[in-house]
Amino acid sequence: MSKVRRAVIREWMLLAREKRQSSEQAAAFARAALQRHDLPRSSRRTPHEIIMRWLRPRTGRP
C-alpha cells in the first residue's frame, strides 16, 4: 500500500497549485485516483477515506 500512497501523493503534488487548493478538489481527485489505483479494502475506512486522509495535509500547500 505504501507504493500506492506514494504514487497518489506524487500525482496530487504534480497538479498545478490552483488545482489542489480545496477539499472539493481533493475529493474529486480521490475519486479519479480510485479508478487508477487498486486499494485493499479496510474494515474501518473506505478507500476514498484513505486517500482523503493522505491528501488532507497537502491540500492548499505550495
PDB file of N, CA and C in Angstrom:
ATOM      1  N   MET A   1       0.826  -1.201   0.000  1.00  0.00           N
ATOM      2  CA  MET A   1       0.000   0.000   0.000  1.00  0.00           C
ATOM      3  C   MET A   1       0.866   1.259   0.000  1.00  0.00           C
ATOM      4  N   SER A   2       2.097   1.181   0.505  1.00  0.00           N
ATOM      5  CA  SER A   2       2.935   2.377   0.536  1.00  0.00           C
ATOM      6  C   SER A   2       3.295   2.854  -0.868  1.00  0.00           C
ATOM      7  N   LYS A   3       3.422   1.911  -1.826  1.00  0.00           N
ATOM      8  CA  LYS A   3       3.704   2.320  -3.201  1.00  0.00           C
ATOM      9  C   LYS A   3       2.525   3.082  -3.784  1.00  0.00           C
ATOM     10  N   VAL A   4       1.325   2.622  -3.474  1.00  0.00           N
ATOM     11  CA  VAL A   4       0.119   3.306  -3.950  1.00  0.00           C
ATOM     12  C   VAL A   4       0.034   4.682  -3.306  1.00  0.00           C
ATOM     13  N   ARG A   5       0.313   4.750  -2.011  1.00  0.00           N
ATOM     14  CA  ARG A   5       0.266   6.029  -1.294  1.00  0.00           C
ATOM     15  C   ARG A   5       1.230   7.033  -1.919  1.00  0.00           C
ATOM     16  N   ARG A   6       2.462   6.591  -2.156  1.00  0.00           N
ATOM     17  CA  ARG A   6       3.451   7.482  -2.763  1.00  0.00           C
ATOM     18  C   ARG A   6       3.024   7.942  -4.154  1.00  0.00           C
ATOM     19  N   ALA A   7       2.471   7.016  -4.937  1.00  0.00           N
ATOM     20  CA  ALA A   7       2.041   7.357  -6.296  1.00  0.00           C
ATOM     21  C   ALA A   7       0.905   8.378  -6.267  1.00  0.00           C
ATOM     22  N   VAL A   8      -0.064   8.175  -5.389  1.00  0.00           N
ATOM     23  CA  VAL A   8      -1.209   9.093  -5.300  1.00  0.00           C
ATOM     24  C   VAL A   8      -0.738  10.476  -4.848  1.00  0.00           C
ATOM     25  N   ILE A   9       0.096  10.526  -3.837  1.00  0.00           N
ATOM     26  CA  ILE A   9       0.589  11.816  -3.337  1.00  0.00           C
ATOM     27  C   ILE A   9       1.429  12.511  -4.404  1.00  0.00           C
ATOM     28  N   ARG A  10       2.243  11.755  -5.118  1.00  0.00           N
ATOM     29  CA  ARG A  10       3.059  12.335  -6.187  1.00  0.00           C
ATOM     30  C   ARG A  10       2.163  12.952  -7.262  1.00  0.00           C
ATOM     31  N   GLU A  11       1.120  12.212  -7.677  1.00  0.00           N
ATOM     32  CA  GLU A  11       0.180  12.733  -8.678  1.00  0.00           C
ATOM     33  C   GLU A  11      -0.479  14.022  -8.181  1.00  0.00           C
ATOM     34  N   TRP A  12      -0.865  14.028  -6.922  1.00  0.00           N
ATOM     35  CA  TRP A  12      -1.534  15.197  -6.342  1.00  0.00           C
ATOM     36  C   TRP A  12      -0.597  16.406  -6.342  1.00  0.00           C
ATOM     37  N   MET A  13       0.636  16.201  -5.925  1.00  0.00           N
ATOM     38  CA  MET A  13       1.579  17.313  -5.828  1.00  0.00           C
ATOM     39  C   MET A  13       2.040  17.799  -7.201  1.00  0.00           C
ATOM     40  N   LEU A  14       1.896  16.977  -8.229  1.00  0.00           N
ATOM     41  CA  LEU A  14       2.251  17.402  -9.582  1.00  0.00           C
ATOM     42  C   LEU A  14       1.177  18.274 -10.227  1.00  0.00           C
ATOM     43  N   LEU A  15      -0.024  18.265  -9.657  1.00  0.00           N
ATOM     44  CA  LEU A  15      -1.074  19.135 -10.185  1.00  0.00           C
ATOM     45  C   LEU A  15      -0.679  20.596  -9.970  1.00  0.00           C
ATOM     46  N   ALA A  16      -1.193  21.456 -10.822  1.00  0.00           N
ATOM     47  CA  ALA A  16      -0.970  22.893 -10.640  1.00  0.00           C
ATOM     48  C   ALA A  16      -1.513  23.308  -9.278  1.00  0.00           C
ATOM     49  N   ARG A  17      -0.850  24.245  -8.664  1.00  0.00           N
ATOM     50  CA  ARG A  17      -1.211  24.666  -7.305  1.00  0.00           C
ATOM     51  C   ARG A  17      -2.686  25.049  -7.173  1.00  0.00           C
ATOM     52  N   GLU A  18      -3.228  25.732  -8.191  1.00  0.00           N
ATOM     53  CA  GLU A  18      -4.628  26.155  -8.111  1.00  0.00           C
ATOM     54  C   GLU A  18      -5.605  24.990  -8.248  1.00  0.00           C
ATOM     55  N   LYS A  19      -5.120  23.826  -8.657  1.00  0.00           N
ATOM     56  CA  LYS A  19      -5.985  22.654  -8.790  1.00  0.00           C
ATOM     57  C   LYS A  19      -5.957  21.761  -7.560  1.00  0.00           C
ATOM     58  N   ARG A  20      -5.229  22.172  -6.532  1.00  0.00           N
ATOM     59  CA  ARG A  20      -5.171  21.372  -5.307  1.00  0.00           C
ATOM     60  C   ARG A  20      -5.321  22.245  -4.060  1.00  0.00           C
ATOM     61  N   GLN A  21      -6.268  23.170  -4.134  1.00  0.00           N
ATOM     62  CA  GLN A  21      -6.469  24.115  -3.040  1.00  0.00           C
ATOM     63  C   GLN A  21      -7.581  23.702  -2.062  1.00  0.00           C
ATOM     64  N   SER A  22      -8.646  23.100  -2.565  1.00  0.00           N
ATOM     65  CA  SER A  22      -9.814  22.878  -1.705  1.00  0.00           C
ATOM     66  C   SER A  22     -10.060  21.397  -1.437  1.00  0.00           C
ATOM     67  N   SER A  23     -10.857  21.141  -0.425  1.00  0.00           N
ATOM     68  CA  SER A  23     -11.220  19.761  -0.109  1.00  0.00           C
ATOM     69  C   SER A  23     -12.112  19.173  -1.209  1.00  0.00           C
ATOM     70  N   GLU A  24     -12.868  20.025  -1.913  1.00  0.00           N
ATOM     71  CA  GLU A  24     -13.691  19.538  -3.027  1.00  0.00           C
ATOM     72  C   GLU A  24     -12.797  19.034  -4.163  1.00  0.00           C
ATOM     73  N   GLN A  25     -11.717  19.758  -4.435  1.00  0.00           N
ATOM     74  CA  GLN A  25     -10.767  19.326  -5.462  1.00  0.00           C
ATOM     75  C   GLN A  25     -10.098  18.017  -5.035  1.00  0.00           C
ATOM     76  N   ALA A  26      -9.773  17.907  -3.764  1.00  0.00           N
ATOM     77  CA  ALA A  26      -9.152  16.685  -3.256  1.00  0.00           C
ATOM     78  C   ALA A  26     -10.120  15.504  -3.377  1.00  0.00           C
ATOM     79  N   ALA A  27     -11.392  15.729  -3.081  1.00  0.00           N
ATOM     80  CA  ALA A  27     -12.389  14.655  -3.174  1.00  0.00           C
ATOM     81  C   ALA A  27     -12.545  14.180  -4.619  1.00  0.00           C
ATOM     82  N   ALA A  28     -12.580  15.117  -5.552  1.00  0.00           N
ATOM     83  CA  ALA A  28     -12.689  14.753  -6.966  1.00  0.00           C
ATOM     84  C   ALA A  28     -11.441  13.986  -7.411  1.00  0.00           C
ATOM     85  N   PHE A  29     -10.279  14.435  -6.973  1.00  0.00           N
ATOM     86  CA  PHE A  29      -9.038  13.757  -7.308  1.00  0.00           C
ATOM     87  C   PHE A  29      -9.036  12.346  -6.711  1.00  0.00           C
ATOM     88  N   ALA A  30      -9.501  12.206  -5.481  1.00  0.00           N
ATOM     89  CA  ALA A  30      -9.535  10.899  -4.818  1.00  0.00           C
ATOM     90  C   ALA A  30     -10.428   9.928  -5.586  1.00  0.00           C
ATOM     91  N   ARG A  31     -11.582  10.409  -6.053  1.00  0.00           N
ATOM     92  CA  ARG A  31     -12.473   9.544  -6.840  1.00  0.00           C
ATOM     93  C   ARG A  31     -11.781   9.075  -8.117  1.00  0.00           C
ATOM     94  N   ALA A  32     -11.079   9.984  -8.786  1.00  0.00           N
ATOM     95  CA  ALA A  32     -10.365   9.629 -10.010  1.00  0.00           C
ATOM     96  C   ALA A  32      -9.199   8.679  -9.699  1.00  0.00           C
ATOM     97  N   ALA A  33      -8.518   8.908  -8.599  1.00  0.00           N
ATOM     98  CA  ALA A  33      -7.386   8.059  -8.224  1.00  0.00           C
ATOM     99  C   ALA A  33      -7.833   6.638  -7.935  1.00  0.00           C
ATOM    100  N   LEU A  34      -9.038   6.489  -7.409  1.00  0.00           N
ATOM    101  CA  LEU A  34      -9.562   5.146  -7.143  1.00  0.00           C
ATOM    102  C   LEU A  34      -9.766   4.361  -8.433  1.00  0.00           C
ATOM    103  N   GLN A  35      -9.990   5.059  -9.535  1.00  0.00           N
ATOM    104  CA  GLN A  35     -10.130   4.398 -10.829  1.00  0.00           C
ATOM    105  C   GLN A  35      -8.776   3.910 -11.342  1.00  0.00           C
ATOM    106  N   ARG A  36      -7.717   4.624 -10.982  1.00  0.00           N
ATOM    107  CA  ARG A  36      -6.372   4.303 -11.472  1.00  0.00           C
ATOM    108  C   ARG A  36      -5.604   3.338 -10.568  1.00  0.00           C
ATOM    109  N   HIS A  37      -5.902   3.366  -9.277  1.00  0.00           N
ATOM    110  CA  HIS A  37      -5.137   2.580  -8.305  1.00  0.00           C
ATOM    111  C   HIS A  37      -6.057   1.642  -7.543  1.00  0.00           C
ATOM    112  N   ASP A  38      -5.544   0.478  -7.255  1.00  0.00           N
ATOM    113  CA  ASP A  38      -6.309  -0.530  -6.528  1.00  0.00           C
ATOM    114  C   ASP A  38      -5.900  -0.518  -5.065  1.00  0.00           C
ATOM    115  N   LEU A  39      -6.813  -0.125  -4.199  1.00  0.00           N
ATOM    116  CA  LEU A  39      -6.535  -0.109  -2.769  1.00  0.00           C
ATOM    117  C   LEU A  39      -7.225  -1.285  -2.102  1.00  0.00           C
ATOM    118  N   PRO A  40      -6.534  -1.937  -1.186  1.00  0.00           N
ATOM    119  CA  PRO A  40      -7.181  -3.038  -0.464  1.00  0.00           C
ATOM    120  C   PRO A  40      -8.295  -2.499   0.426  1.00  0.00           C
ATOM    121  N   ARG A  41      -9.317  -3.272   0.601  1.00  0.00           N
ATOM    122  CA  ARG A  41     -10.469  -2.889   1.414  1.00  0.00           C
ATOM    123  C   ARG A  41     -10.069  -2.923   2.885  1.00  0.00           C
ATOM    124  N   SER A  42     -10.409  -1.878   3.590  1.00  0.00           N
ATOM    125  CA  SER A  42     -10.124  -1.795   5.026  1.00  0.00           C
ATOM    126  C   SER A  42     -11.428  -2.019   5.786  1.00  0.00           C
ATOM    127  N   SER A  43     -11.319  -2.590   6.946  1.00  0.00           N
ATOM    128  CA  SER A  43     -12.534  -2.829   7.731  1.00  0.00           C
ATOM    129  C   SER A  43     -13.040  -1.542   8.387  1.00  0.00           C
ATOM    130  N   ARG A  44     -12.153  -0.571   8.546  1.00  0.00           N
ATOM    131  CA  ARG A  44     -12.549   0.665   9.231  1.00  0.00           C
ATOM    132  C   ARG A  44     -12.813   1.832   8.293  1.00  0.00           C
ATOM    133  N   ARG A  45     -12.074   1.902   7.179  1.00  0.00           N
ATOM    134  CA  ARG A  45     -12.205   3.065   6.282  1.00  0.00           C
ATOM    135  C   ARG A  45     -12.414   2.612   4.851  1.00  0.00           C
ATOM    136  N   THR A  46     -13.146   3.419   4.113  1.00  0.00           N
ATOM    137  CA  THR A  46     -13.317   3.152   2.692  1.00  0.00           C
ATOM    138  C   THR A  46     -12.051   3.603   1.965  1.00  0.00           C
ATOM    139  N   PRO A  47     -11.793   3.081   0.779  1.00  0.00           N
ATOM    140  CA  PRO A  47     -10.622   3.539   0.023  1.00  0.00           C
ATOM    141  C   PRO A  47     -10.634   5.061  -0.202  1.00  0.00           C
ATOM    142  N   HIS A  48     -11.817   5.633  -0.412  1.00  0.00           N
ATOM    143  CA  HIS A  48     -11.917   7.093  -0.597  1.00  0.00           C
ATOM    144  C   HIS A  48     -11.446   7.826   0.655  1.00  0.00           C
ATOM    145  N   GLU A  49     -11.863   7.350   1.809  1.00  0.00           N
ATOM    146  CA  GLU A  49     -11.439   7.973   3.072  1.00  0.00           C
ATOM    147  C   GLU A  49      -9.929   7.864   3.271  1.00  0.00           C
ATOM    148  N   ILE A  50      -9.360   6.745   2.860  1.00  0.00           N
ATOM    149  CA  ILE A  50      -7.916   6.551   2.998  1.00  0.00           C
ATOM    150  C   ILE A  50      -7.171   7.579   2.149  1.00  0.00           C
ATOM    151  N   ILE A  51      -7.572   7.722   0.887  1.00  0.00           N
ATOM    152  CA  ILE A  51      -6.901   8.683   0.011  1.00  0.00           C
ATOM    153  C   ILE A  51      -7.100  10.100   0.518  1.00  0.00           C
ATOM    154  N   MET A  52      -8.290  10.437   0.987  1.00  0.00           N
ATOM    155  CA  MET A  52      -8.530  11.777   1.521  1.00  0.00           C
ATOM    156  C   MET A  52      -7.628  12.049   2.726  1.00  0.00           C
ATOM    157  N   ARG A  53      -7.400  11.051   3.534  1.00  0.00           N
ATOM    158  CA  ARG A  53      -6.515  11.217   4.685  1.00  0.00           C
ATOM    159  C   ARG A  53      -5.088  11.517   4.230  1.00  0.00           C
ATOM    160  N   TRP A  54      -4.656  10.894   3.133  1.00  0.00           N
ATOM    161  CA  TRP A  54      -3.320  11.156   2.591  1.00  0.00           C
ATOM    162  C   TRP A  54      -3.222  12.572   2.037  1.00  0.00           C
ATOM    163  N   LEU A  55      -4.296  13.042   1.398  1.00  0.00           N
ATOM    164  CA  LEU A  55      -4.257  14.327   0.711  1.00  0.00           C
ATOM    165  C   LEU A  55      -4.510  15.523   1.616  1.00  0.00           C
ATOM    166  N   ARG A  56      -5.272  15.334   2.658  1.00  0.00           N
ATOM    167  CA  ARG A  56      -5.693  16.459   3.517  1.00  0.00           C
ATOM    168  C   ARG A  56      -4.529  17.341   3.968  1.00  0.00           C
ATOM    169  N   PRO A  57      -3.404  16.791   4.447  1.00  0.00           N
ATOM    170  CA  PRO A  57      -2.309  17.690   4.871  1.00  0.00           C
ATOM    171  C   PRO A  57      -1.648  18.434   3.714  1.00  0.00           C
ATOM    172  N   ARG A  58      -1.882  17.973   2.495  1.00  0.00           N
ATOM    173  CA  ARG A  58      -1.245  18.574   1.320  1.00  0.00           C
ATOM    174  C   ARG A  58      -2.190  19.449   0.516  1.00  0.00           C
ATOM    175  N   THR A  59      -3.386  19.654   1.003  1.00  0.00           N
ATOM    176  CA  THR A  59      -4.365  20.482   0.313  1.00  0.00           C
ATOM    177  C   THR A  59      -4.070  21.947   0.612  1.00  0.00           C
ATOM    178  N   GLY A  60      -3.949  22.738  -0.464  1.00  0.00           N
ATOM    179  CA  GLY A  60      -3.645  24.150  -0.297  1.00  0.00           C
ATOM    180  C   GLY A  60      -2.181  24.440  -0.048  1.00  0.00           C
ATOM    181  N   ARG A  61      -1.357  23.421  -0.143  1.00  0.00           N
ATOM    182  CA  ARG A  61       0.078  23.568   0.138  1.00  0.00           C
ATOM    183  C   ARG A  61       0.851  23.898  -1.140  1.00  0.00           C
ATOM    184  N   PRO A  62       1.821  24.783  -1.071  1.00  0.00           N
ATOM    185  CA  PRO A  62       2.620  25.127  -2.257  1.00  0.00           C
ATOM    186  C   PRO A  62       3.464  23.992  -2.771  1.00  0.00           C
TER     187      PRO A  62
END
